[in-house]
């Protein structure tokens, strides 16, 4: 369970850092489309806030984090796979995203995490 909390926290920290970077980029570089740039910043910030909430929930042993964490990891895997392909492929980013996502998915279905996040009456 500790490893799950640590990995979720690292993902949250990464998204917070990315949100700060994107805000800086919007303020210093002229984007092709301001509405699109602001939309991406907002979506990244919302995802970061959601991961922070899931990290805190995992730390407390909340049962609701399992579904949300699976969803986030599946989406992260989709982004990682996209990072391996295309004209501007970035396998380094793909591996950076894929490795913790797979580890978290595995951890979410281990007996210790299931027991720790089981709904208590």
PDB file of N, CA and C in Angstrom:
ATOM      1  N   UNK A   1       0.826  -1.191   0.000  1.00  0.00           N
ATOM      2  CA  UNK A   1       0.000   0.000   0.000  1.00  0.00           C
ATOM      3  C   UNK A   1       0.869   1.253   0.000  1.00  0.00           C
ATOM      4  N   UNK A   2       1.976   1.218   0.735  1.00  0.00           N
ATOM      5  CA  UNK A   2       2.868   2.379   0.763  1.00  0.00           C
ATOM      6  C   UNK A   2       3.417   2.690  -0.622  1.00  0.00           C
ATOM      7  N   UNK A   3       3.793   1.641  -1.338  1.00  0.00           N
ATOM      8  CA  UNK A   3       4.335   1.846  -2.682  1.00  0.00           C
ATOM      9  C   UNK A   3       3.279   2.465  -3.595  1.00  0.00           C
ATOM     10  N   UNK A   4       2.041   2.051  -3.465  1.00  0.00           N
ATOM     11  CA  UNK A   4       0.950   2.629  -4.258  1.00  0.00           C
ATOM     12  C   UNK A   4       0.814   4.120  -3.963  1.00  0.00           C
ATOM     13  N   UNK A   5       0.823   4.484  -2.695  1.00  0.00           N
ATOM     14  CA  UNK A   5       0.708   5.893  -2.308  1.00  0.00           C
ATOM     15  C   UNK A   5       1.891   6.690  -2.853  1.00  0.00           C
ATOM     16  N   UNK A   6       3.084   6.128  -2.769  1.00  0.00           N
ATOM     17  CA  UNK A   6       4.278   6.818  -3.270  1.00  0.00           C
ATOM     18  C   UNK A   6       4.182   7.029  -4.777  1.00  0.00           C
ATOM     19  N   UNK A   7       3.800   5.991  -5.516  1.00  0.00           N
ATOM     20  CA  UNK A   7       3.714   6.117  -6.972  1.00  0.00           C
ATOM     21  C   UNK A   7       2.610   7.091  -7.393  1.00  0.00           C
ATOM     22  N   UNK A   8       1.472   7.036  -6.724  1.00  0.00           N
ATOM     23  CA  UNK A   8       0.416   7.994  -7.035  1.00  0.00           C
ATOM     24  C   UNK A   8       0.875   9.414  -6.709  1.00  0.00           C
ATOM     25  N   UNK A   9       1.589   9.579  -5.611  1.00  0.00           N
ATOM     26  CA  UNK A   9       2.119  10.890  -5.244  1.00  0.00           C
ATOM     27  C   UNK A   9       3.123  11.410  -6.254  1.00  0.00           C
ATOM     28  N   UNK A  10       3.960  10.514  -6.764  1.00  0.00           N
ATOM     29  CA  UNK A  10       4.926  10.930  -7.794  1.00  0.00           C
ATOM     30  C   UNK A  10       4.218  11.343  -9.077  1.00  0.00           C
ATOM     31  N   UNK A  11       3.183  10.601  -9.449  1.00  0.00           N
ATOM     32  CA  UNK A  11       2.399  11.001 -10.625  1.00  0.00           C
ATOM     33  C   UNK A  11       1.742  12.360 -10.404  1.00  0.00           C
ATOM     34  N   UNK A  12       1.200  12.565  -9.221  1.00  0.00           N
ATOM     35  CA  UNK A  12       0.566  13.851  -8.912  1.00  0.00           C
ATOM     36  C   UNK A  12       1.596  14.973  -8.963  1.00  0.00           C
ATOM     37  N   UNK A  13       2.766  14.748  -8.396  1.00  0.00           N
ATOM     38  CA  UNK A  13       3.824  15.760  -8.419  1.00  0.00           C
ATOM     39  C   UNK A  13       4.255  16.061  -9.848  1.00  0.00           C
ATOM     40  N   UNK A  14       4.337  15.035 -10.674  1.00  0.00           N
ATOM     41  CA  UNK A  14       4.685  15.237 -12.081  1.00  0.00           C
ATOM     42  C   UNK A  14       3.651  16.088 -12.802  1.00  0.00           C
ATOM     43  N   UNK A  15       2.377  15.832 -12.544  1.00  0.00           N
ATOM     44  CA  UNK A  15       1.332  16.629 -13.193  1.00  0.00           C
ATOM     45  C   UNK A  15       1.277  18.056 -12.653  1.00  0.00           C
ATOM     46  N   UNK A  16       1.568  18.230 -11.379  1.00  0.00           N
ATOM     47  CA  UNK A  16       1.645  19.588 -10.836  1.00  0.00           C
ATOM     48  C   UNK A  16       2.784  20.345 -11.513  1.00  0.00           C
ATOM     49  N   UNK A  17       3.935  19.685 -11.638  1.00  0.00           N
ATOM     50  CA  UNK A  17       5.068  20.303 -12.328  1.00  0.00           C
ATOM     51  C   UNK A  17       4.741  20.636 -13.776  1.00  0.00           C
ATOM     52  N   UNK A  18       4.061  19.718 -14.459  1.00  0.00           N
ATOM     53  CA  UNK A  18       3.666  19.962 -15.839  1.00  0.00           C
ATOM     54  C   UNK A  18       2.689  21.130 -15.930  1.00  0.00           C
ATOM     55  N   UNK A  19       1.766  21.232 -14.975  1.00  0.00           N
ATOM     56  CA  UNK A  19       0.816  22.354 -14.960  1.00  0.00           C
ATOM     57  C   UNK A  19       1.542  23.684 -14.807  1.00  0.00           C
ATOM     58  N   UNK A  20       2.510  23.726 -13.904  1.00  0.00           N
ATOM     59  CA  UNK A  20       3.287  24.958 -13.708  1.00  0.00           C
ATOM     60  C   UNK A  20       4.059  25.300 -14.980  1.00  0.00           C
ATOM     61  N   UNK A  21       4.673  24.296 -15.592  1.00  0.00           N
ATOM     62  CA  UNK A  21       5.414  24.516 -16.840  1.00  0.00           C
ATOM     63  C   UNK A  21       4.492  25.048 -17.942  1.00  0.00           C
ATOM     64  N   UNK A  22       3.302  24.466 -18.064  1.00  0.00           N
ATOM     65  CA  UNK A  22       2.369  24.900 -19.102  1.00  0.00           C
ATOM     66  C   UNK A  22       1.880  26.328 -18.874  1.00  0.00           C
ATOM     67  N   UNK A  23       1.642  26.695 -17.615  1.00  0.00           N
ATOM     68  CA  UNK A  23       1.261  28.078 -17.316  1.00  0.00           C
ATOM     69  C   UNK A  23       2.384  29.017 -17.731  1.00  0.00           C
ATOM     70  N   UNK A  24       3.620  28.660 -17.370  1.00  0.00           N
ATOM     71  CA  UNK A  24       4.782  29.466 -17.756  1.00  0.00           C
ATOM     72  C   UNK A  24       4.883  29.573 -19.275  1.00  0.00           C
ATOM     73  N   UNK A  25       4.676  28.459 -19.971  1.00  0.00           N
ATOM     74  CA  UNK A  25       4.771  28.459 -21.434  1.00  0.00           C
ATOM     75  C   UNK A  25       3.696  29.342 -22.064  1.00  0.00           C
ATOM     76  N   UNK A  26       2.479  29.304 -21.537  1.00  0.00           N
ATOM     77  CA  UNK A  26       1.402  30.139 -22.082  1.00  0.00           C
ATOM     78  C   UNK A  26       1.720  31.615 -21.875  1.00  0.00           C
ATOM     79  N   UNK A  27       2.344  31.939 -20.751  1.00  0.00           N
ATOM     80  CA  UNK A  27       2.647  33.340 -20.449  1.00  0.00           C
ATOM     81  C   UNK A  27       3.866  33.872 -21.197  1.00  0.00           C
ATOM     82  N   UNK A  28       4.773  32.984 -21.617  1.00  0.00           N
ATOM     83  CA  UNK A  28       6.017  33.452 -22.231  1.00  0.00           C
ATOM     84  C   UNK A  28       6.126  33.193 -23.725  1.00  0.00           C
ATOM     85  N   UNK A  29       5.369  32.253 -24.239  1.00  0.00           N
ATOM     86  CA  UNK A  29       5.425  31.903 -25.662  1.00  0.00           C
ATOM     87  C   UNK A  29       4.042  32.139 -26.260  1.00  0.00           C
ATOM     88  N   UNK A  30       3.996  32.681 -27.442  1.00  0.00           N
ATOM     89  CA  UNK A  30       2.712  32.908 -28.094  1.00  0.00           C
ATOM     90  C   UNK A  30       2.204  31.598 -28.692  1.00  0.00           C
ATOM     91  N   UNK A  31       1.123  31.058 -28.121  1.00  0.00           N
ATOM     92  CA  UNK A  31       0.583  29.808 -28.670  1.00  0.00           C
ATOM     93  C   UNK A  31      -0.175  30.069 -29.969  1.00  0.00           C
ATOM     94  N   UNK A  32      -0.368  29.020 -30.747  1.00  0.00           N
ATOM     95  CA  UNK A  32      -1.174  29.132 -31.956  1.00  0.00           C
ATOM     96  C   UNK A  32      -2.618  29.478 -31.623  1.00  0.00           C
ATOM     97  N   UNK A  33      -3.092  28.966 -30.502  1.00  0.00           N
ATOM     98  CA  UNK A  33      -4.471  29.214 -30.077  1.00  0.00           C
ATOM     99  C   UNK A  33      -4.502  29.369 -28.557  1.00  0.00           C
ATOM    100  N   UNK A  34      -4.820  30.561 -28.090  1.00  0.00           N
ATOM    101  CA  UNK A  34      -4.910  30.782 -26.647  1.00  0.00           C
ATOM    102  C   UNK A  34      -6.004  29.935 -25.988  1.00  0.00           C
ATOM    103  N   UNK A  35      -7.194  29.830 -26.588  1.00  0.00           N
ATOM    104  CA  UNK A  35      -8.212  28.978 -25.950  1.00  0.00           C
ATOM    105  C   UNK A  35      -7.759  27.519 -25.800  1.00  0.00           C
ATOM    106  N   UNK A  36      -7.094  26.981 -26.804  1.00  0.00           N
ATOM    107  CA  UNK A  36      -6.608  25.603 -26.713  1.00  0.00           C
ATOM    108  C   UNK A  36      -5.535  25.475 -25.644  1.00  0.00           C
ATOM    109  N   UNK A  37      -4.624  26.445 -25.608  1.00  0.00           N
ATOM    110  CA  UNK A  37      -3.543  26.408 -24.621  1.00  0.00           C
ATOM    111  C   UNK A  37      -4.098  26.497 -23.205  1.00  0.00           C
ATOM    112  N   UNK A  38      -5.045  27.379 -22.996  1.00  0.00           N
ATOM    113  CA  UNK A  38      -5.649  27.520 -21.670  1.00  0.00           C
ATOM    114  C   UNK A  38      -6.446  26.272 -21.316  1.00  0.00           C
ATOM    115  N   UNK A  39      -7.123  25.688 -22.288  1.00  0.00           N
ATOM    116  CA  UNK A  39      -7.854  24.446 -22.051  1.00  0.00           C
ATOM    117  C   UNK A  39      -6.933  23.315 -21.624  1.00  0.00           C
ATOM    118  N   UNK A  40      -5.785  23.195 -22.258  1.00  0.00           N
ATOM    119  CA  UNK A  40      -4.820  22.148 -21.899  1.00  0.00           C
ATOM    120  C   UNK A  40      -4.287  22.392 -20.494  1.00  0.00           C
ATOM    121  N   UNK A  41      -4.011  23.658 -20.173  1.00  0.00           N
ATOM    122  CA  UNK A  41      -3.537  23.985 -18.820  1.00  0.00           C
ATOM    123  C   UNK A  41      -4.594  23.596 -17.791  1.00  0.00           C
ATOM    124  N   UNK A  42      -5.849  23.937 -18.040  1.00  0.00           N
ATOM    125  CA  UNK A  42      -6.916  23.615 -17.100  1.00  0.00           C
ATOM    126  C   UNK A  42      -7.118  22.108 -16.948  1.00  0.00           C
ATOM    127  N   UNK A  43      -7.103  21.388 -18.058  1.00  0.00           N
ATOM    128  CA  UNK A  43      -7.254  19.929 -17.975  1.00  0.00           C
ATOM    129  C   UNK A  43      -6.108  19.286 -17.199  1.00  0.00           C
ATOM    130  N   UNK A  44      -4.904  19.782 -17.409  1.00  0.00           N
ATOM    131  CA  UNK A  44      -3.748  19.247 -16.688  1.00  0.00           C
ATOM    132  C   UNK A  44      -3.863  19.555 -15.193  1.00  0.00           C
ATOM    133  N   UNK A  45      -4.291  20.761 -14.861  1.00  0.00           N
ATOM    134  CA  UNK A  45      -4.457  21.127 -13.451  1.00  0.00           C
ATOM    135  C   UNK A  45      -5.559  20.303 -12.781  1.00  0.00           C
ATOM    136  N   UNK A  46      -6.652  20.054 -13.495  1.00  0.00           N
ATOM    137  CA  UNK A  46      -7.730  19.220 -12.951  1.00  0.00           C
ATOM    138  C   UNK A  46      -7.239  17.791 -12.729  1.00  0.00           C
ATOM    139  N   UNK A  47      -6.487  17.261 -13.686  1.00  0.00           N
ATOM    140  CA  UNK A  47      -5.935  15.904 -13.533  1.00  0.00           C
ATOM    141  C   UNK A  47      -4.976  15.847 -12.346  1.00  0.00           C
ATOM    142  N   UNK A  48      -4.174  16.887 -12.159  1.00  0.00           N
ATOM    143  CA  UNK A  48      -3.249  16.932 -11.024  1.00  0.00           C
ATOM    144  C   UNK A  48      -4.028  16.947  -9.708  1.00  0.00           C
ATOM    145  N   UNK A  49      -5.085  17.757  -9.650  1.00  0.00           N
ATOM    146  CA  UNK A  49      -5.894  17.817  -8.432  1.00  0.00           C
ATOM    147  C   UNK A  49      -6.553  16.467  -8.143  1.00  0.00           C
ATOM    148  N   UNK A  50      -7.018  15.801  -9.188  1.00  0.00           N
ATOM    149  CA  UNK A  50      -7.641  14.484  -9.024  1.00  0.00           C
ATOM    150  C   UNK A  50      -6.624  13.467  -8.514  1.00  0.00           C
ATOM    151  N   UNK A  51      -5.409  13.507  -9.043  1.00  0.00           N
ATOM    152  CA  UNK A  51      -4.377  12.577  -8.569  1.00  0.00           C
ATOM    153  C   UNK A  51      -3.973  12.880  -7.127  1.00  0.00           C
ATOM    154  N   UNK A  52      -3.941  14.149  -6.754  1.00  0.00           N
ATOM    155  CA  UNK A  52      -3.670  14.494  -5.350  1.00  0.00           C
ATOM    156  C   UNK A  52      -4.769  13.917  -4.457  1.00  0.00           C
ATOM    157  N   UNK A  53      -6.021  14.070  -4.873  1.00  0.00           N
ATOM    158  CA  UNK A  53      -7.139  13.525  -4.095  1.00  0.00           C
ATOM    159  C   UNK A  53      -7.043  12.001  -3.989  1.00  0.00           C
ATOM    160  N   UNK A  54      -6.682  11.336  -5.080  1.00  0.00           N
ATOM    161  CA  UNK A  54      -6.547   9.878  -5.037  1.00  0.00           C
ATOM    162  C   UNK A  54      -5.380   9.457  -4.149  1.00  0.00           C
ATOM    163  N   UNK A  55      -4.298  10.219  -4.175  1.00  0.00           N
ATOM    164  CA  UNK A  55      -3.159   9.907  -3.319  1.00  0.00           C
ATOM    165  C   UNK A  55      -3.555  10.014  -1.851  1.00  0.00           C
ATOM    166  N   UNK A  56      -4.253  11.089  -1.502  1.00  0.00           N
ATOM    167  CA  UNK A  56      -4.715  11.248  -0.117  1.00  0.00           C
ATOM    168  C   UNK A  56      -5.708  10.154   0.258  1.00  0.00           C
ATOM    169  N   UNK A  57      -6.602   9.820  -0.665  1.00  0.00           N
ATOM    170  CA  UNK A  57      -7.554   8.746  -0.416  1.00  0.00           C
ATOM    171  C   UNK A  57      -6.871   7.401  -0.234  1.00  0.00           C
ATOM    172  N   UNK A  58      -5.846   7.135  -1.032  1.00  0.00           N
ATOM    173  CA  UNK A  58      -5.099   5.884  -0.891  1.00  0.00           C
ATOM    174  C   UNK A  58      -4.380   5.847   0.454  1.00  0.00           C
ATOM    175  N   UNK A  59      -3.860   6.976   0.856  1.00  0.00           N
ATOM    176  CA  UNK A  59      -3.172   7.054   2.151  1.00  0.00           C
ATOM    177  C   UNK A  59      -4.133   6.739   3.295  1.00  0.00           C
ATOM    178  N   UNK A  60      -5.387   7.132   3.134  1.00  0.00           N
ATOM    179  CA  UNK A  60      -6.404   6.889   4.158  1.00  0.00           C
ATOM    180  C   UNK A  60      -7.086   5.528   4.001  1.00  0.00           C
ATOM    181  N   UNK A  61      -6.789   4.823   2.901  1.00  0.00           N
ATOM    182  CA  UNK A  61      -7.392   3.516   2.675  1.00  0.00           C
ATOM    183  C   UNK A  61      -8.805   3.573   2.140  1.00  0.00           C
ATOM    184  N   UNK A  62      -9.149   4.643   1.429  1.00  0.00           N
ATOM    185  CA  UNK A  62     -10.495   4.799   0.891  1.00  0.00           C
ATOM    186  C   UNK A  62     -10.745   3.821  -0.253  1.00  0.00           C
ATOM    187  N   UNK A  63     -11.929   3.250  -0.280  1.00  0.00           N
ATOM    188  CA  UNK A  63     -12.233   2.258  -1.314  1.00  0.00           C
ATOM    189  C   UNK A  63     -12.477   2.898  -2.679  1.00  0.00           C
ATOM    190  N   UNK A  64     -12.890   4.164  -2.721  1.00  0.00           N
ATOM    191  CA  UNK A  64     -13.232   4.820  -3.975  1.00  0.00           C
ATOM    192  C   UNK A  64     -12.024   5.054  -4.888  1.00  0.00           C
ATOM    193  N   UNK A  65     -10.816   4.960  -4.370  1.00  0.00           N
ATOM    194  CA  UNK A  65      -9.649   5.285  -5.198  1.00  0.00           C
ATOM    195  C   UNK A  65      -9.354   4.231  -6.252  1.00  0.00           C
ATOM    196  N   UNK A  66      -9.794   3.006  -6.032  1.00  0.00           N
ATOM    197  CA  UNK A  66      -9.426   1.944  -6.975  1.00  0.00           C
ATOM    198  C   UNK A  66      -9.957   2.209  -8.379  1.00  0.00           C
ATOM    199  N   UNK A  67     -11.220   2.549  -8.523  1.00  0.00           N
ATOM    200  CA  UNK A  67     -11.789   2.806  -9.851  1.00  0.00           C
ATOM    201  C   UNK A  67     -11.156   4.012 -10.516  1.00  0.00           C
ATOM    202  N   UNK A  68     -10.978   5.078  -9.759  1.00  0.00           N
ATOM    203  CA  UNK A  68     -10.348   6.279 -10.307  1.00  0.00           C
ATOM    204  C   UNK A  68      -8.904   6.041 -10.710  1.00  0.00           C
ATOM    205  N   UNK A  69      -8.188   5.290  -9.883  1.00  0.00           N
ATOM    206  CA  UNK A  69      -6.786   5.013 -10.188  1.00  0.00           C
ATOM    207  C   UNK A  69      -6.649   4.129 -11.426  1.00  0.00           C
ATOM    208  N   UNK A  70      -7.535   3.150 -11.567  1.00  0.00           N
ATOM    209  CA  UNK A  70      -7.497   2.311 -12.768  1.00  0.00           C
ATOM    210  C   UNK A  70      -7.752   3.171 -14.007  1.00  0.00           C
ATOM    211  N   UNK A  71      -8.736   4.055 -13.931  1.00  0.00           N
ATOM    212  CA  UNK A  71      -9.055   4.920 -15.068  1.00  0.00           C
ATOM    213  C   UNK A  71      -7.869   5.796 -15.446  1.00  0.00           C
ATOM    214  N   UNK A  72      -7.245   6.422 -14.466  1.00  0.00           N
ATOM    215  CA  UNK A  72      -6.097   7.288 -14.737  1.00  0.00           C
ATOM    216  C   UNK A  72      -4.947   6.487 -15.343  1.00  0.00           C
ATOM    217  N   UNK A  73      -4.716   5.281 -14.843  1.00  0.00           N
ATOM    218  CA  UNK A  73      -3.593   4.489 -15.359  1.00  0.00           C
ATOM    219  C   UNK A  73      -3.854   4.012 -16.791  1.00  0.00           C
ATOM    220  N   UNK A  74      -5.093   3.665 -17.099  1.00  0.00           N
ATOM    221  CA  UNK A  74      -5.426   3.268 -18.476  1.00  0.00           C
ATOM    222  C   UNK A  74      -5.219   4.445 -19.429  1.00  0.00           C
ATOM    223  N   UNK A  75      -5.638   5.631 -19.011  1.00  0.00           N
ATOM    224  CA  UNK A  75      -5.417   6.822 -19.842  1.00  0.00           C
ATOM    225  C   UNK A  75      -3.927   7.141 -19.969  1.00  0.00           C
ATOM    226  N   UNK A  76      -3.178   6.960 -18.903  1.00  0.00           N
ATOM    227  CA  UNK A  76      -1.729   7.189 -18.943  1.00  0.00           C
ATOM    228  C   UNK A  76      -1.058   6.203 -19.892  1.00  0.00           C
ATOM    229  N   UNK A  77      -1.501   4.966 -19.873  1.00  0.00           N
ATOM    230  CA  UNK A  77      -0.943   3.961 -20.797  1.00  0.00           C
ATOM    231  C   UNK A  77      -1.246   4.354 -22.237  1.00  0.00           C
ATOM    232  N   UNK A  78      -2.448   4.862 -22.496  1.00  0.00           N
ATOM    233  CA  UNK A  78      -2.790   5.305 -23.856  1.00  0.00           C
ATOM    234  C   UNK A  78      -1.871   6.445 -24.300  1.00  0.00           C
ATOM    235  N   UNK A  79      -1.601   7.388 -23.406  1.00  0.00           N
ATOM    236  CA  UNK A  79      -0.686   8.487 -23.739  1.00  0.00           C
ATOM    237  C   UNK A  79       0.725   7.954 -23.949  1.00  0.00           C
ATOM    238  N   UNK A  80       1.147   7.001 -23.123  1.00  0.00           N
ATOM    239  CA  UNK A  80       2.483   6.417 -23.264  1.00  0.00           C
ATOM    240  C   UNK A  80       2.636   5.716 -24.611  1.00  0.00           C
ATOM    241  N   UNK A  81       1.630   4.963 -25.010  1.00  0.00           N
ATOM    242  CA  UNK A  81       1.689   4.271 -26.301  1.00  0.00           C
ATOM    243  C   UNK A  81       1.784   5.285 -27.435  1.00  0.00           C
ATOM    244  N   UNK A  82       1.036   6.380 -27.324  1.00  0.00           N
ATOM    245  CA  UNK A  82       1.127   7.439 -28.324  1.00  0.00           C
ATOM    246  C   UNK A  82       2.511   8.074 -28.362  1.00  0.00           C
ATOM    247  N   UNK A  83       3.197   8.095 -27.226  1.00  0.00           N
ATOM    248  CA  UNK A  83       4.540   8.680 -27.174  1.00  0.00           C
ATOM    249  C   UNK A  83       5.571   7.838 -27.923  1.00  0.00           C
ATOM    250  N   UNK A  84       5.289   6.574 -28.133  1.00  0.00           N
ATOM    251  CA  UNK A  84       6.211   5.703 -28.857  1.00  0.00           C
ATOM    252  C   UNK A  84       6.056   5.826 -30.374  1.00  0.00           C
ATOM    253  N   UNK A  85       5.013   6.512 -30.832  1.00  0.00           N
ATOM    254  CA  UNK A  85       4.674   6.524 -32.254  1.00  0.00           C
ATOM    255  C   UNK A  85       4.731   7.930 -32.831  1.00  0.00           C
ATOM    256  N   UNK A  86       4.662   8.010 -34.134  1.00  0.00           N
ATOM    257  CA  UNK A  86       4.505   9.289 -34.816  1.00  0.00           C
ATOM    258  C   UNK A  86       5.799   9.948 -35.235  1.00  0.00           C
ATOM    259  N   UNK A  87       5.650  11.117 -35.849  1.00  0.00           N
ATOM    260  CA  UNK A  87       6.810  11.851 -36.353  1.00  0.00           C
ATOM    261  C   UNK A  87       7.673  12.417 -35.236  1.00  0.00           C
ATOM    262  N   UNK A  88       7.059  12.767 -34.132  1.00  0.00           N
ATOM    263  CA  UNK A  88       7.806  13.305 -32.997  1.00  0.00           C
ATOM    264  C   UNK A  88       7.758  12.322 -31.824  1.00  0.00           C
ATOM    265  N   UNK A  89       8.031  11.063 -32.113  1.00  0.00           N
ATOM    266  CA  UNK A  89       7.992  10.017 -31.089  1.00  0.00           C
ATOM    267  C   UNK A  89       8.995  10.322 -29.988  1.00  0.00           C
ATOM    268  N   UNK A  90       8.595  10.110 -28.756  1.00  0.00           N
ATOM    269  CA  UNK A  90       9.454  10.315 -27.594  1.00  0.00           C
ATOM    270  C   UNK A  90       9.407   9.061 -26.723  1.00  0.00           C
ATOM    271  N   UNK A  91      10.186   8.028 -27.088  1.00  0.00           N
ATOM    272  CA  UNK A  91      10.163   6.795 -26.300  1.00  0.00           C
ATOM    273  C   UNK A  91      10.559   7.012 -24.839  1.00  0.00           C
ATOM    274  N   UNK A  92      11.414   7.994 -24.576  1.00  0.00           N
ATOM    275  CA  UNK A  92      11.805   8.261 -23.196  1.00  0.00           C
ATOM    276  C   UNK A  92      10.593   8.676 -22.356  1.00  0.00           C
ATOM    277  N   UNK A  93       9.769   9.526 -22.899  1.00  0.00           N
ATOM    278  CA  UNK A  93       8.548   9.938 -22.198  1.00  0.00           C
ATOM    279  C   UNK A  93       7.573   8.765 -22.120  1.00  0.00           C
ATOM    280  N   UNK A  94       7.506   7.972 -23.182  1.00  0.00           N
ATOM    281  CA  UNK A  94       6.636   6.798 -23.176  1.00  0.00           C
ATOM    282  C   UNK A  94       6.977   5.848 -22.040  1.00  0.00           C
ATOM    283  N   UNK A  95       8.250   5.541 -21.877  1.00  0.00           N
ATOM    284  CA  UNK A  95       8.669   4.649 -20.792  1.00  0.00           C
ATOM    285  C   UNK A  95       8.450   5.291 -19.426  1.00  0.00           C
ATOM    286  N   UNK A  96       8.678   6.599 -19.336  1.00  0.00           N
ATOM    287  CA  UNK A  96       8.477   7.318 -18.078  1.00  0.00           C
ATOM    288  C   UNK A  96       7.011   7.270 -17.639  1.00  0.00           C
ATOM    289  N   UNK A  97       6.107   7.259 -18.584  1.00  0.00           N
ATOM    290  CA  UNK A  97       4.682   7.167 -18.270  1.00  0.00           C
ATOM    291  C   UNK A  97       4.213   5.721 -18.093  1.00  0.00           C
ATOM    292  N   UNK A  98       4.720   4.841 -18.937  1.00  0.00           N
ATOM    293  CA  UNK A  98       4.239   3.456 -18.958  1.00  0.00           C
ATOM    294  C   UNK A  98       4.652   2.672 -17.710  1.00  0.00           C
ATOM    295  N   UNK A  99       5.879   2.831 -17.277  1.00  0.00           N
ATOM    296  CA  UNK A  99       6.397   2.022 -16.167  1.00  0.00           C
ATOM    297  C   UNK A  99       5.594   2.201 -14.878  1.00  0.00           C
ATOM    298  N   UNK A 100       5.405   3.430 -14.368  1.00  0.00           N
ATOM    299  CA  UNK A 100       4.617   3.536 -13.135  1.00  0.00           C
ATOM    300  C   UNK A 100       3.143   3.189 -13.328  1.00  0.00           C
ATOM    301  N   UNK A 101       2.598   3.443 -14.530  1.00  0.00           N
ATOM    302  CA  UNK A 101       1.190   3.124 -14.764  1.00  0.00           C
ATOM    303  C   UNK A 101       0.945   1.624 -14.651  1.00  0.00           C
ATOM    304  N   UNK A 102       1.824   0.838 -15.243  1.00  0.00           N
ATOM    305  CA  UNK A 102       1.679  -0.616 -15.153  1.00  0.00           C
ATOM    306  C   UNK A 102       1.892  -1.085 -13.712  1.00  0.00           C
ATOM    307  N   UNK A 103       2.883  -0.510 -13.037  1.00  0.00           N
ATOM    308  CA  UNK A 103       3.152  -0.886 -11.643  1.00  0.00           C
ATOM    309  C   UNK A 103       1.948  -0.576 -10.760  1.00  0.00           C
ATOM    310  N   UNK A 104       1.338   0.585 -10.945  1.00  0.00           N
ATOM    311  CA  UNK A 104       0.163   0.955 -10.147  1.00  0.00           C
ATOM    312  C   UNK A 104      -1.007   0.022 -10.453  1.00  0.00           C
ATOM    313  N   UNK A 105      -1.217  -0.296 -11.732  1.00  0.00           N
ATOM    314  CA  UNK A 105      -2.299  -1.235 -12.067  1.00  0.00           C
ATOM    315  C   UNK A 105      -2.099  -2.578 -11.377  1.00  0.00           C
ATOM    316  N   UNK A 106      -0.876  -3.063 -11.373  1.00  0.00           N
ATOM    317  CA  UNK A 106      -0.596  -4.338 -10.701  1.00  0.00           C
ATOM    318  C   UNK A 106      -0.850  -4.211  -9.202  1.00  0.00           C
ATOM    319  N   UNK A 107      -0.349  -3.115  -8.608  1.00  0.00           N
ATOM    320  CA  UNK A 107      -0.520  -2.918  -7.161  1.00  0.00           C
ATOM    321  C   UNK A 107      -1.989  -2.813  -6.762  1.00  0.00           C
ATOM    322  N   UNK A 108      -2.808  -2.203  -7.611  1.00  0.00           N
ATOM    323  CA  UNK A 108      -4.218  -2.020  -7.272  1.00  0.00           C
ATOM    324  C   UNK A 108      -4.958  -3.340  -7.093  1.00  0.00           C
ATOM    325  N   UNK A 109      -4.427  -4.410  -7.672  1.00  0.00           N
ATOM    326  CA  UNK A 109      -5.106  -5.702  -7.592  1.00  0.00           C
ATOM    327  C   UNK A 109      -4.368  -6.705  -6.708  1.00  0.00           C
ATOM    328  N   UNK A 110      -3.415  -6.219  -5.922  1.00  0.00           N
ATOM    329  CA  UNK A 110      -2.745  -7.111  -4.962  1.00  0.00           C
ATOM    330  C   UNK A 110      -3.634  -7.267  -3.731  1.00  0.00           C
ATOM    331  N   UNK A 111      -3.464  -8.361  -3.065  1.00  0.00           N
ATOM    332  CA  UNK A 111      -4.291  -8.670  -1.889  1.00  0.00           C
ATOM    333  C   UNK A 111      -4.166  -7.582  -0.816  1.00  0.00           C
ATOM    334  N   UNK A 112      -2.950  -7.092  -0.561  1.00  0.00           N
ATOM    335  CA  UNK A 112      -2.763  -6.104   0.509  1.00  0.00           C
ATOM    336  C   UNK A 112      -3.493  -4.792   0.208  1.00  0.00           C
ATOM    337  N   UNK A 113      -3.472  -4.354  -1.046  1.00  0.00           N
ATOM    338  CA  UNK A 113      -4.169  -3.112  -1.403  1.00  0.00           C
ATOM    339  C   UNK A 113      -5.680  -3.331  -1.369  1.00  0.00           C
ATOM    340  N   UNK A 114      -6.134  -4.462  -1.859  1.00  0.00           N
ATOM    341  CA  UNK A 114      -7.567  -4.755  -1.810  1.00  0.00           C
ATOM    342  C   UNK A 114      -8.064  -4.812  -0.370  1.00  0.00           C
ATOM    343  N   UNK A 115      -7.277  -5.427   0.520  1.00  0.00           N
ATOM    344  CA  UNK A 115      -7.668  -5.494   1.931  1.00  0.00           C
ATOM    345  C   UNK A 115      -7.645  -4.108   2.571  1.00  0.00           C
ATOM    346  N   UNK A 116      -6.645  -3.306   2.234  1.00  0.00           N
ATOM    347  CA  UNK A 116      -6.515  -1.971   2.832  1.00  0.00           C
ATOM    348  C   UNK A 116      -7.599  -1.006   2.349  1.00  0.00           C
ATOM    349  N   UNK A 117      -8.114  -1.235   1.154  1.00  0.00           N
ATOM    350  CA  UNK A 117      -9.120  -0.305   0.593  1.00  0.00           C
ATOM    351  C   UNK A 117     -10.519  -0.911   0.559  1.00  0.00           C
ATOM    352  N   UNK A 118     -10.701  -2.003   1.264  1.00  0.00           N
ATOM    353  CA  UNK A 118     -12.033  -2.630   1.317  1.00  0.00           C
ATOM    354  C   UNK A 118     -12.972  -1.732   2.109  1.00  0.00           C
ATOM    355  N   UNK A 119     -14.201  -1.614   1.632  1.00  0.00           N
ATOM    356  CA  UNK A 119     -15.199  -0.779   2.309  1.00  0.00           C
ATOM    357  C   UNK A 119     -15.467  -1.344   3.707  1.00  0.00           C
ATOM    358  N   UNK A 120     -15.370  -0.476   4.688  1.00  0.00           N
ATOM    359  CA  UNK A 120     -15.608  -0.886   6.071  1.00  0.00           C
ATOM    360  C   UNK A 120     -16.995  -0.402   6.528  1.00  0.00           C
ATOM    361  N   UNK A 121     -17.761  -1.302   7.136  1.00  0.00           N
ATOM    362  CA  UNK A 121     -19.095  -0.911   7.629  1.00  0.00           C
ATOM    363  C   UNK A 121     -19.005  -0.414   9.050  1.00  0.00           C
TER     364      UNK A 121
END
